[in-house]
Structures are given as C-alpha cells and as structure tokens.
Amino acid sequence: MAKQSAPQELAQIAPKLVEVTNEVLFGDVWERAELSPRDRSLVTVSVLAALYRSEQLPYHLGVALENGLTVEELSEAITHLAFYAGWPNAMTAINQLKQIDDERAA
C-alpha cells in the first residue's frame, strides 16, 4: 500500500491539521505493528460507516481494498454493523462500496 496522506490542497487553509494527519495518524498510528494495515482498514471502515461519516468512507473503502480486504468481506462487515449502527448507515456504506467496486471493474 502507498503511504496515505491528507490532501495537500487542505494545507492552504489548515496546515497544522494536514501536518498532524500525515505525521501522527498516517505516519505513526497506521504504521504501528500491533495491527496489520488490513485490520486497521476493517476497523476504520466499520467506524466510519457506523458513525455515518460518508465523506471519508469512500477513500477508506479504497484503502481497505488495497490493504487486502475483499468486497465480500467489506460487504459482510457492513451487513453485520447494520444491526448495531443502523440500517441507513449500512445502506449508505454498501452503496458506496458498490460504486467503488463498479469503478474498479470498469
């Protein structure tokens, strides 16, 4: 997986946020050995879907696929969380996963 980073165009308005995102979140937390990138992606996607963070979710669904999760595994995780986090959250997440899968297939 390529190293993640915050969109650089955001540095114009929020340079410190971009800096700590890149150095702390992506440079430290995502690099820790206690969880694999695949596991971190599964946790991240699940939390973003559960909290209805639909703006961040597509990016992290793509990262999850790059980190070795399959569409089927992500679909199963989203289906599972529907019962804990709410049906609308799960339906939004599954629609975003389908769109990403369709784009990758094209």
N, C-alpha and C. Protein backbone atom coordinates (compact mmCIF):
# COMPACT_ATOMS: atom_id res chain seq x y z
N MET A 1 0.83 -1.18 0.00
CA MET A 1 0.00 0.00 0.00
C MET A 1 0.88 1.24 0.00
N ALA A 2 0.50 2.22 -0.79
CA ALA A 2 1.20 3.50 -0.77
C ALA A 2 0.88 4.21 0.55
N LYS A 3 1.84 4.95 1.02
CA LYS A 3 1.64 5.69 2.27
C LYS A 3 0.51 6.70 2.08
N GLN A 4 -0.39 6.73 3.04
CA GLN A 4 -1.52 7.65 3.00
C GLN A 4 -1.07 9.05 3.39
N SER A 5 -1.79 10.04 2.90
CA SER A 5 -1.53 11.41 3.32
C SER A 5 -2.80 12.23 3.12
N ALA A 6 -2.89 13.29 3.88
CA ALA A 6 -4.02 14.21 3.75
C ALA A 6 -3.90 14.95 2.43
N PRO A 7 -5.02 15.33 1.84
CA PRO A 7 -4.96 16.10 0.60
C PRO A 7 -4.18 17.40 0.79
N GLN A 8 -3.16 17.60 -0.01
CA GLN A 8 -2.29 18.75 0.16
C GLN A 8 -2.99 20.09 -0.08
N GLU A 9 -4.07 20.09 -0.84
CA GLU A 9 -4.79 21.35 -1.06
C GLU A 9 -5.41 21.87 0.24
N LEU A 10 -5.59 20.98 1.21
CA LEU A 10 -6.10 21.42 2.51
C LEU A 10 -5.05 22.16 3.33
N ALA A 11 -3.79 21.99 3.00
CA ALA A 11 -2.71 22.66 3.73
C ALA A 11 -2.79 24.18 3.59
N GLN A 12 -3.42 24.66 2.54
CA GLN A 12 -3.57 26.11 2.35
C GLN A 12 -4.44 26.72 3.44
N ILE A 13 -5.44 25.98 3.89
CA ILE A 13 -6.37 26.51 4.88
C ILE A 13 -6.13 25.94 6.28
N ALA A 14 -5.58 24.72 6.35
CA ALA A 14 -5.37 24.06 7.65
C ALA A 14 -4.03 23.33 7.67
N PRO A 15 -2.93 24.08 7.62
CA PRO A 15 -1.63 23.42 7.54
C PRO A 15 -1.32 22.51 8.72
N LYS A 16 -1.70 22.90 9.91
CA LYS A 16 -1.40 22.07 11.08
C LYS A 16 -2.21 20.78 11.06
N LEU A 17 -3.46 20.85 10.63
CA LEU A 17 -4.29 19.64 10.53
C LEU A 17 -3.67 18.66 9.54
N VAL A 18 -3.22 19.15 8.41
CA VAL A 18 -2.56 18.29 7.42
C VAL A 18 -1.27 17.71 8.00
N GLU A 19 -0.51 18.54 8.69
CA GLU A 19 0.74 18.08 9.29
C GLU A 19 0.51 16.95 10.30
N VAL A 20 -0.42 17.14 11.23
CA VAL A 20 -0.63 16.09 12.25
C VAL A 20 -1.31 14.86 11.65
N THR A 21 -2.13 15.06 10.64
CA THR A 21 -2.72 13.92 9.95
C THR A 21 -1.63 13.06 9.34
N ASN A 22 -0.72 13.70 8.63
CA ASN A 22 0.35 12.97 7.96
C ASN A 22 1.37 12.38 8.94
N GLU A 23 1.76 13.15 9.94
CA GLU A 23 2.81 12.69 10.85
C GLU A 23 2.29 11.76 11.94
N VAL A 24 1.17 12.10 12.55
CA VAL A 24 0.68 11.30 13.68
C VAL A 24 -0.23 10.17 13.20
N LEU A 25 -1.29 10.51 12.48
CA LEU A 25 -2.25 9.47 12.07
C LEU A 25 -1.63 8.50 11.08
N PHE A 26 -1.18 9.01 9.94
CA PHE A 26 -0.67 8.13 8.90
C PHE A 26 0.79 7.74 9.12
N GLY A 27 1.58 8.60 9.76
CA GLY A 27 2.99 8.31 9.96
C GLY A 27 3.28 7.49 11.20
N ASP A 28 2.37 7.48 12.17
CA ASP A 28 2.60 6.73 13.41
C ASP A 28 1.50 5.68 13.62
N VAL A 29 0.28 6.13 13.82
CA VAL A 29 -0.80 5.20 14.19
C VAL A 29 -0.98 4.10 13.15
N TRP A 30 -1.06 4.47 11.88
CA TRP A 30 -1.27 3.47 10.83
C TRP A 30 -0.06 2.57 10.63
N GLU A 31 1.09 2.97 11.11
CA GLU A 31 2.32 2.19 10.93
C GLU A 31 2.65 1.28 12.10
N ARG A 32 1.90 1.34 13.17
CA ARG A 32 2.18 0.52 14.35
C ARG A 32 1.99 -0.96 14.02
N ALA A 33 2.84 -1.78 14.56
CA ALA A 33 2.88 -3.20 14.22
C ALA A 33 1.79 -4.03 14.92
N GLU A 34 1.14 -3.48 15.92
CA GLU A 34 0.18 -4.26 16.70
C GLU A 34 -1.07 -4.66 15.91
N LEU A 35 -1.40 -3.92 14.88
CA LEU A 35 -2.47 -4.30 13.95
C LEU A 35 -1.93 -4.18 12.54
N SER A 36 -2.33 -5.10 11.69
CA SER A 36 -1.94 -5.03 10.28
C SER A 36 -2.71 -3.89 9.60
N PRO A 37 -2.20 -3.39 8.48
CA PRO A 37 -2.97 -2.39 7.72
C PRO A 37 -4.37 -2.91 7.35
N ARG A 38 -4.47 -4.21 7.04
CA ARG A 38 -5.76 -4.80 6.71
C ARG A 38 -6.73 -4.67 7.89
N ASP A 39 -6.25 -5.01 9.09
CA ASP A 39 -7.10 -4.92 10.28
C ASP A 39 -7.46 -3.47 10.59
N ARG A 40 -6.49 -2.58 10.45
CA ARG A 40 -6.78 -1.16 10.69
C ARG A 40 -7.84 -0.66 9.70
N SER A 41 -7.75 -1.11 8.46
CA SER A 41 -8.76 -0.71 7.47
C SER A 41 -10.15 -1.23 7.84
N LEU A 42 -10.23 -2.47 8.31
CA LEU A 42 -11.52 -3.02 8.70
C LEU A 42 -12.12 -2.22 9.85
N VAL A 43 -11.31 -1.88 10.83
CA VAL A 43 -11.78 -1.07 11.96
C VAL A 43 -12.21 0.31 11.46
N THR A 44 -11.39 0.93 10.65
CA THR A 44 -11.67 2.28 10.17
C THR A 44 -12.95 2.33 9.35
N VAL A 45 -13.10 1.42 8.41
CA VAL A 45 -14.31 1.38 7.58
C VAL A 45 -15.54 1.15 8.45
N SER A 46 -15.44 0.24 9.40
CA SER A 46 -16.58 -0.05 10.27
C SER A 46 -17.00 1.16 11.08
N VAL A 47 -16.03 1.86 11.64
CA VAL A 47 -16.35 3.04 12.45
C VAL A 47 -16.91 4.16 11.58
N LEU A 48 -16.30 4.39 10.43
CA LEU A 48 -16.81 5.45 9.55
C LEU A 48 -18.22 5.15 9.09
N ALA A 49 -18.51 3.90 8.77
CA ALA A 49 -19.87 3.52 8.37
C ALA A 49 -20.84 3.67 9.54
N ALA A 50 -20.43 3.20 10.70
CA ALA A 50 -21.31 3.25 11.88
C ALA A 50 -21.64 4.68 12.28
N LEU A 51 -20.67 5.58 12.12
CA LEU A 51 -20.87 6.97 12.51
C LEU A 51 -21.39 7.84 11.37
N TYR A 52 -21.70 7.20 10.23
CA TYR A 52 -22.22 7.90 9.05
C TYR A 52 -21.28 9.01 8.60
N ARG A 53 -20.02 8.67 8.50
CA ARG A 53 -19.00 9.61 8.00
C ARG A 53 -18.80 9.34 6.51
N SER A 54 -19.86 9.62 5.76
CA SER A 54 -19.91 9.23 4.35
C SER A 54 -18.95 10.02 3.47
N GLU A 55 -18.42 11.13 3.95
CA GLU A 55 -17.44 11.86 3.13
C GLU A 55 -16.09 11.16 3.16
N GLN A 56 -15.70 10.59 4.28
CA GLN A 56 -14.42 9.92 4.43
C GLN A 56 -14.47 8.45 4.01
N LEU A 57 -15.64 7.87 4.03
CA LEU A 57 -15.78 6.43 3.80
C LEU A 57 -15.28 5.95 2.44
N PRO A 58 -15.59 6.60 1.33
CA PRO A 58 -15.12 6.07 0.04
C PRO A 58 -13.60 5.95 -0.03
N TYR A 59 -12.90 6.94 0.45
CA TYR A 59 -11.43 6.87 0.45
C TYR A 59 -10.96 5.64 1.23
N HIS A 60 -11.52 5.43 2.40
CA HIS A 60 -11.07 4.33 3.24
C HIS A 60 -11.55 2.97 2.74
N LEU A 61 -12.66 2.93 2.02
CA LEU A 61 -13.04 1.67 1.36
C LEU A 61 -11.99 1.30 0.31
N GLY A 62 -11.52 2.29 -0.44
CA GLY A 62 -10.47 2.04 -1.42
C GLY A 62 -9.18 1.57 -0.77
N VAL A 63 -8.81 2.21 0.33
CA VAL A 63 -7.61 1.80 1.08
C VAL A 63 -7.79 0.38 1.59
N ALA A 64 -8.98 0.06 2.08
CA ALA A 64 -9.24 -1.29 2.60
C ALA A 64 -9.04 -2.34 1.50
N LEU A 65 -9.51 -2.05 0.31
CA LEU A 65 -9.30 -2.98 -0.80
C LEU A 65 -7.81 -3.11 -1.13
N GLU A 66 -7.10 -2.00 -1.10
CA GLU A 66 -5.65 -2.04 -1.34
C GLU A 66 -4.93 -2.81 -0.24
N ASN A 67 -5.48 -2.78 0.96
CA ASN A 67 -4.86 -3.45 2.10
C ASN A 67 -5.27 -4.92 2.21
N GLY A 68 -5.96 -5.44 1.20
CA GLY A 68 -6.22 -6.87 1.15
C GLY A 68 -7.60 -7.33 1.53
N LEU A 69 -8.46 -6.43 1.97
CA LEU A 69 -9.85 -6.84 2.22
C LEU A 69 -10.55 -7.01 0.88
N THR A 70 -11.49 -7.93 0.84
CA THR A 70 -12.25 -8.15 -0.38
C THR A 70 -13.59 -7.42 -0.30
N VAL A 71 -14.22 -7.25 -1.44
CA VAL A 71 -15.55 -6.65 -1.47
C VAL A 71 -16.50 -7.50 -0.63
N GLU A 72 -16.36 -8.81 -0.70
CA GLU A 72 -17.23 -9.70 0.07
C GLU A 72 -17.03 -9.51 1.57
N GLU A 73 -15.79 -9.38 2.01
CA GLU A 73 -15.52 -9.17 3.43
C GLU A 73 -16.06 -7.82 3.90
N LEU A 74 -15.86 -6.79 3.10
CA LEU A 74 -16.39 -5.48 3.47
C LEU A 74 -17.91 -5.48 3.49
N SER A 75 -18.50 -6.16 2.53
CA SER A 75 -19.96 -6.28 2.50
C SER A 75 -20.48 -6.98 3.74
N GLU A 76 -19.80 -8.04 4.15
CA GLU A 76 -20.21 -8.77 5.35
C GLU A 76 -20.06 -7.91 6.60
N ALA A 77 -18.99 -7.15 6.70
CA ALA A 77 -18.80 -6.26 7.85
C ALA A 77 -19.90 -5.20 7.89
N ILE A 78 -20.23 -4.64 6.75
CA ILE A 78 -21.29 -3.62 6.68
C ILE A 78 -22.64 -4.23 7.04
N THR A 79 -22.91 -5.43 6.55
CA THR A 79 -24.16 -6.12 6.88
C THR A 79 -24.24 -6.36 8.38
N HIS A 80 -23.15 -6.80 8.97
CA HIS A 80 -23.10 -7.05 10.41
C HIS A 80 -23.36 -5.77 11.21
N LEU A 81 -22.73 -4.68 10.80
CA LEU A 81 -22.89 -3.46 11.59
C LEU A 81 -24.25 -2.82 11.43
N ALA A 82 -25.02 -3.22 10.42
CA ALA A 82 -26.36 -2.67 10.25
C ALA A 82 -27.21 -2.89 11.50
N PHE A 83 -27.00 -4.00 12.16
CA PHE A 83 -27.80 -4.34 13.33
C PHE A 83 -27.35 -3.59 14.58
N TYR A 84 -26.16 -3.03 14.56
CA TYR A 84 -25.62 -2.31 15.71
C TYR A 84 -25.57 -0.81 15.48
N ALA A 85 -25.40 -0.40 14.24
CA ALA A 85 -25.20 1.02 13.94
C ALA A 85 -26.36 1.64 13.15
N GLY A 86 -27.28 0.82 12.71
CA GLY A 86 -28.43 1.35 11.99
C GLY A 86 -28.44 1.03 10.51
N TRP A 87 -29.64 0.76 10.05
CA TRP A 87 -29.85 0.38 8.66
C TRP A 87 -29.44 1.46 7.68
N PRO A 88 -29.83 2.73 7.89
CA PRO A 88 -29.43 3.77 6.93
C PRO A 88 -27.91 3.90 6.79
N ASN A 89 -27.19 3.77 7.89
CA ASN A 89 -25.73 3.85 7.82
C ASN A 89 -25.18 2.72 6.95
N ALA A 90 -25.70 1.52 7.16
CA ALA A 90 -25.23 0.37 6.39
C ALA A 90 -25.60 0.50 4.91
N MET A 91 -26.79 0.96 4.63
CA MET A 91 -27.19 1.11 3.23
C MET A 91 -26.35 2.17 2.51
N THR A 92 -26.03 3.25 3.20
CA THR A 92 -25.15 4.26 2.61
C THR A 92 -23.78 3.66 2.33
N ALA A 93 -23.23 2.95 3.30
CA ALA A 93 -21.91 2.35 3.14
C ALA A 93 -21.90 1.32 2.01
N ILE A 94 -22.93 0.49 1.92
CA ILE A 94 -22.95 -0.56 0.89
C ILE A 94 -23.10 0.06 -0.50
N ASN A 95 -23.83 1.15 -0.59
CA ASN A 95 -23.94 1.86 -1.87
C ASN A 95 -22.59 2.43 -2.28
N GLN A 96 -21.85 2.96 -1.33
CA GLN A 96 -20.53 3.50 -1.64
C GLN A 96 -19.57 2.37 -2.03
N LEU A 97 -19.65 1.24 -1.35
CA LEU A 97 -18.81 0.09 -1.71
C LEU A 97 -19.14 -0.38 -3.12
N LYS A 98 -20.41 -0.45 -3.46
CA LYS A 98 -20.81 -0.88 -4.81
C LYS A 98 -20.26 0.08 -5.86
N GLN A 99 -20.35 1.36 -5.59
CA GLN A 99 -19.84 2.35 -6.55
C GLN A 99 -18.33 2.17 -6.75
N ILE A 100 -17.60 1.98 -5.68
CA ILE A 100 -16.15 1.77 -5.79
C ILE A 100 -15.84 0.48 -6.55
N ASP A 101 -16.58 -0.58 -6.24
CA ASP A 101 -16.38 -1.85 -6.93
C ASP A 101 -16.69 -1.71 -8.42
N ASP A 102 -17.77 -1.02 -8.75
CA ASP A 102 -18.11 -0.80 -10.16
C ASP A 102 -17.02 0.00 -10.87
N GLU A 103 -16.50 1.04 -10.21
CA GLU A 103 -15.45 1.86 -10.82
C GLU A 103 -14.18 1.05 -11.05
N ARG A 104 -13.86 0.18 -10.11
CA ARG A 104 -12.65 -0.63 -10.25
C ARG A 104 -12.82 -1.70 -11.34
N ALA A 105 -14.06 -2.16 -11.53
CA ALA A 105 -14.32 -3.18 -12.55
C ALA A 105 -14.30 -2.59 -13.96
N ALA A 106 -14.59 -1.29 -14.04
CA ALA A 106 -14.68 -0.64 -15.37
C ALA A 106 -13.33 -0.39 -15.99
